Structure formats: C-alpha cells, structure tokens
C-alpha cells in the first residue's frame, strides 16, 4: 500500500471534522466546523477540500450536483503513519524514547491508570 501524503496542520484539522462524518459535502463539513470555529468561511473549507482531493487525502464522488468528499485514509491509519514518521525523524526509531518523552510531558492520573492497566493486561497475555 502506498504511504498516504502527510497533511498540513490545516488539512489535519479538517480531517478531524470529516472523519466522524464519513462522507460529506463541503457545506456539511463547513456547518460542522462552524460549531467550533464560527469565523471560518465556506470558501476556505471548499478550497481546502479541493486541494486535499488533489493531494489524495480525500476522495470525491462527482455523480451528484454537490460533490461528496470522504477521507482517502482512515483516522487510525493516518495516525499510525504520522506516528511512524515522528518516531523515525524525532526519536531515531526508538519507541521507548517516544513513550518516555510523552510520559514526562505530563499525563493525568486517569491516563496513568489506563496505561498501567494496558501494560498489566499485556503482561498476562
């Protein structure tokens, strides 16, 4: 499988809105984004989605008057790809260094408990 293109911060932000929708028109994505960003213009959303389609981040169904866009790559696959890139570029491929840095940066008590449970459950397998 080809590695998906890396989204810019603005593209990744838009993907955070389109992933839960699955497939949507630019108008639907814009309406979803307005809830958190009341100042975002429809034209900005549409143009970004067109650019993302050109890069292969979104697929587009042109069979209807209003084009329907969908993510070309699922959220988990994109996160995995971006994490692998970060792991190689910033941590010389060391998952341990990445995890230790993340843990040192401050986690909540609840997050710590979840991590400990995950590690404990993994030891029992």
C-alpha atoms as a PDB file:
ATOM      1  CA  UNK A   1       0.000   0.000   0.000  1.00  0.00           C
ATOM      2  CA  UNK A   2       1.248   3.483  -0.825  1.00  0.00           C
ATOM      3  CA  UNK A   3       2.047   5.773   2.077  1.00  0.00           C
ATOM      4  CA  UNK A   4      -0.640   8.444   2.326  1.00  0.00           C
ATOM      5  CA  UNK A   5       0.509  12.031   1.885  1.00  0.00           C
ATOM      6  CA  UNK A   6       1.246  13.918   5.071  1.00  0.00           C
ATOM      7  CA  UNK A   7      -1.426  16.510   5.786  1.00  0.00           C
ATOM      8  CA  UNK A   8      -0.562  20.078   6.720  1.00  0.00           C
ATOM      9  CA  UNK A   9      -1.834  21.256  10.123  1.00  0.00           C
ATOM     10  CA  UNK A  10      -4.875  22.875   8.444  1.00  0.00           C
ATOM     11  CA  UNK A  11      -5.601  19.686   6.483  1.00  0.00           C
ATOM     12  CA  UNK A  12      -5.271  17.535   9.588  1.00  0.00           C
ATOM     13  CA  UNK A  13      -7.638  19.893  11.388  1.00  0.00           C
ATOM     14  CA  UNK A  14     -10.215  19.499   8.608  1.00  0.00           C
ATOM     15  CA  UNK A  15      -9.801  15.725   8.676  1.00  0.00           C
ATOM     16  CA  UNK A  16     -10.735  15.798  12.379  1.00  0.00           C
ATOM     17  CA  UNK A  17     -14.155  17.091  11.283  1.00  0.00           C
ATOM     18  CA  UNK A  18     -14.648  14.879   8.237  1.00  0.00           C
ATOM     19  CA  UNK A  19     -13.607  11.535   9.808  1.00  0.00           C
ATOM     20  CA  UNK A  20     -16.697  11.376  12.063  1.00  0.00           C
ATOM     21  CA  UNK A  21     -18.942  12.393   9.146  1.00  0.00           C
ATOM     22  CA  UNK A  22     -17.515   9.694   6.877  1.00  0.00           C
ATOM     23  CA  UNK A  23     -18.670  11.222   3.607  1.00  0.00           C
ATOM     24  CA  UNK A  24     -19.996  14.751   3.330  1.00  0.00           C
ATOM     25  CA  UNK A  25     -20.409  17.763   1.113  1.00  0.00           C
ATOM     26  CA  UNK A  26     -18.255  20.824   1.686  1.00  0.00           C
ATOM     27  CA  UNK A  27     -21.366  22.525   3.078  1.00  0.00           C
ATOM     28  CA  UNK A  28     -21.853  19.767   5.664  1.00  0.00           C
ATOM     29  CA  UNK A  29     -18.196  19.943   6.702  1.00  0.00           C
ATOM     30  CA  UNK A  30     -18.414  23.736   6.927  1.00  0.00           C
ATOM     31  CA  UNK A  31     -21.536  23.524   9.115  1.00  0.00           C
ATOM     32  CA  UNK A  32     -19.776  21.039  11.392  1.00  0.00           C
ATOM     33  CA  UNK A  33     -16.714  23.277  11.667  1.00  0.00           C
ATOM     34  CA  UNK A  34     -18.809  26.380  12.417  1.00  0.00           C
ATOM     35  CA  UNK A  35     -19.725  24.927  15.804  1.00  0.00           C
ATOM     36  CA  UNK A  36     -16.110  25.298  16.964  1.00  0.00           C
ATOM     37  CA  UNK A  37     -14.897  27.992  14.551  1.00  0.00           C
ATOM     38  CA  UNK A  38     -17.694  30.486  13.888  1.00  0.00           C
ATOM     39  CA  UNK A  39     -15.365  32.660  11.788  1.00  0.00           C
ATOM     40  CA  UNK A  40     -14.420  30.014   9.187  1.00  0.00           C
ATOM     41  CA  UNK A  41     -15.643  30.811   5.681  1.00  0.00           C
ATOM     42  CA  UNK A  42     -17.345  28.268   3.434  1.00  0.00           C
ATOM     43  CA  UNK A  43     -14.996  29.171   0.572  1.00  0.00           C
ATOM     44  CA  UNK A  44     -11.996  28.388   2.750  1.00  0.00           C
ATOM     45  CA  UNK A  45     -13.367  24.939   3.608  1.00  0.00           C
ATOM     46  CA  UNK A  46     -14.275  24.183  -0.017  1.00  0.00           C
ATOM     47  CA  UNK A  47     -10.870  25.275  -1.352  1.00  0.00           C
ATOM     48  CA  UNK A  48      -9.003  23.254   1.271  1.00  0.00           C
ATOM     49  CA  UNK A  49     -11.096  20.191   0.470  1.00  0.00           C
ATOM     50  CA  UNK A  50     -10.354  20.621  -3.248  1.00  0.00           C
ATOM     51  CA  UNK A  51      -6.628  20.850  -2.504  1.00  0.00           C
ATOM     52  CA  UNK A  52      -6.839  17.776  -0.268  1.00  0.00           C
ATOM     53  CA  UNK A  53      -8.596  15.877  -3.053  1.00  0.00           C
ATOM     54  CA  UNK A  54      -5.789  16.823  -5.424  1.00  0.00           C
ATOM     55  CA  UNK A  55      -3.201  15.548  -2.930  1.00  0.00           C
ATOM     56  CA  UNK A  56      -5.048  12.275  -2.413  1.00  0.00           C
ATOM     57  CA  UNK A  57      -6.145  12.966   1.165  1.00  0.00           C
ATOM     58  CA  UNK A  58      -9.826  12.994   0.174  1.00  0.00           C
ATOM     59  CA  UNK A  59     -11.766  11.085  -2.437  1.00  0.00           C
ATOM     60  CA  UNK A  60     -14.596  12.814  -4.281  1.00  0.00           C
ATOM     61  CA  UNK A  61     -17.846  11.482  -5.690  1.00  0.00           C
ATOM     62  CA  UNK A  62     -18.843  13.779  -8.540  1.00  0.00           C
ATOM     63  CA  UNK A  63     -22.007  11.873  -9.524  1.00  0.00           C
ATOM     64  CA  UNK A  64     -24.301  14.381  -7.802  1.00  0.00           C
ATOM     65  CA  UNK A  65     -24.598  18.156  -8.141  1.00  0.00           C
ATOM     66  CA  UNK A  66     -22.962  18.667  -4.746  1.00  0.00           C
ATOM     67  CA  UNK A  67     -19.721  16.718  -4.685  1.00  0.00           C
ATOM     68  CA  UNK A  68     -19.364  14.322  -1.779  1.00  0.00           C
ATOM     69  CA  UNK A  69     -15.956  14.033  -0.166  1.00  0.00           C
ATOM     70  CA  UNK A  70     -14.644  11.241   2.047  1.00  0.00           C
ATOM     71  CA  UNK A  71     -11.292  10.595   3.710  1.00  0.00           C
ATOM     72  CA  UNK A  72      -8.965   8.565   1.497  1.00  0.00           C
ATOM     73  CA  UNK A  73      -7.343   7.128   4.638  1.00  0.00           C
ATOM     74  CA  UNK A  74      -8.959   6.247   7.954  1.00  0.00           C
ATOM     75  CA  UNK A  75      -8.090   8.110  11.123  1.00  0.00           C
ATOM     76  CA  UNK A  76      -6.177   5.234  12.725  1.00  0.00           C
ATOM     77  CA  UNK A  77      -4.156   4.553   9.567  1.00  0.00           C
ATOM     78  CA  UNK A  78      -3.239   8.248   9.298  1.00  0.00           C
ATOM     79  CA  UNK A  79      -2.283   8.398  12.985  1.00  0.00           C
ATOM     80  CA  UNK A  80      -0.112   5.288  12.609  1.00  0.00           C
ATOM     81  CA  UNK A  81       1.599   6.719   9.545  1.00  0.00           C
ATOM     82  CA  UNK A  82       2.242  10.072  11.225  1.00  0.00           C
ATOM     83  CA  UNK A  83       3.482   8.368  14.394  1.00  0.00           C
ATOM     84  CA  UNK A  84       5.913   6.203  12.417  1.00  0.00           C
ATOM     85  CA  UNK A  85       7.229   9.326  10.685  1.00  0.00           C
ATOM     86  CA  UNK A  86       7.637  11.144  14.011  1.00  0.00           C
ATOM     87  CA  UNK A  87       9.272   8.083  15.555  1.00  0.00           C
ATOM     88  CA  UNK A  88      11.882   7.930  12.796  1.00  0.00           C
ATOM     89  CA  UNK A  89      12.540  11.675  12.481  1.00  0.00           C
ATOM     90  CA  UNK A  90      12.492  12.770  16.126  1.00  0.00           C
ATOM     91  CA  UNK A  91      13.378   9.641  18.097  1.00  0.00           C
ATOM     92  CA  UNK A  92      15.729   7.729  15.759  1.00  0.00           C
ATOM     93  CA  UNK A  93      13.209   4.898  15.596  1.00  0.00           C
ATOM     94  CA  UNK A  94      13.111   4.363  19.376  1.00  0.00           C
ATOM     95  CA  UNK A  95       9.557   3.742  20.571  1.00  0.00           C
ATOM     96  CA  UNK A  96      10.887   3.691  24.133  1.00  0.00           C
ATOM     97  CA  UNK A  97      12.272   7.227  23.786  1.00  0.00           C
ATOM     98  CA  UNK A  98       8.983   8.435  22.325  1.00  0.00           C
ATOM     99  CA  UNK A  99       6.917   6.892  25.146  1.00  0.00           C
ATOM    100  CA  UNK A 100       9.235   8.158  27.886  1.00  0.00           C
ATOM    101  CA  UNK A 101       9.123  11.671  26.443  1.00  0.00           C
ATOM    102  CA  UNK A 102       5.324  11.524  26.270  1.00  0.00           C
ATOM    103  CA  UNK A 103       5.098  10.288  29.864  1.00  0.00           C
ATOM    104  CA  UNK A 104       7.462  13.010  31.103  1.00  0.00           C
ATOM    105  CA  UNK A 105       5.416  15.722  29.432  1.00  0.00           C
ATOM    106  CA  UNK A 106       2.646  15.234  31.953  1.00  0.00           C
ATOM    107  CA  UNK A 107      -0.299  12.894  31.957  1.00  0.00           C
ATOM    108  CA  UNK A 108      -3.384  12.858  34.116  1.00  0.00           C
ATOM    109  CA  UNK A 109      -3.940  10.357  36.905  1.00  0.00           C
ATOM    110  CA  UNK A 110      -6.699   8.738  34.853  1.00  0.00           C
ATOM    111  CA  UNK A 111      -4.403   8.401  31.826  1.00  0.00           C
ATOM    112  CA  UNK A 112      -1.669   6.895  34.015  1.00  0.00           C
ATOM    113  CA  UNK A 113      -4.145   4.336  35.394  1.00  0.00           C
ATOM    114  CA  UNK A 114      -5.271   3.437  31.862  1.00  0.00           C
ATOM    115  CA  UNK A 115      -1.650   2.963  30.751  1.00  0.00           C
ATOM    116  CA  UNK A 116      -0.847   0.827  33.804  1.00  0.00           C
ATOM    117  CA  UNK A 117      -3.909  -1.347  33.138  1.00  0.00           C
ATOM    118  CA  UNK A 118      -2.930  -1.736  29.496  1.00  0.00           C
ATOM    119  CA  UNK A 119       0.601  -2.771  30.480  1.00  0.00           C
ATOM    120  CA  UNK A 120      -0.682  -5.158  33.153  1.00  0.00           C
ATOM    121  CA  UNK A 121      -3.169  -6.759  30.748  1.00  0.00           C
ATOM    122  CA  UNK A 122      -0.393  -7.108  28.162  1.00  0.00           C
ATOM    123  CA  UNK A 123       1.817  -8.965  30.662  1.00  0.00           C
ATOM    124  CA  UNK A 124      -0.925 -11.514  31.273  1.00  0.00           C
ATOM    125  CA  UNK A 125      -1.173 -12.494  27.622  1.00  0.00           C
END
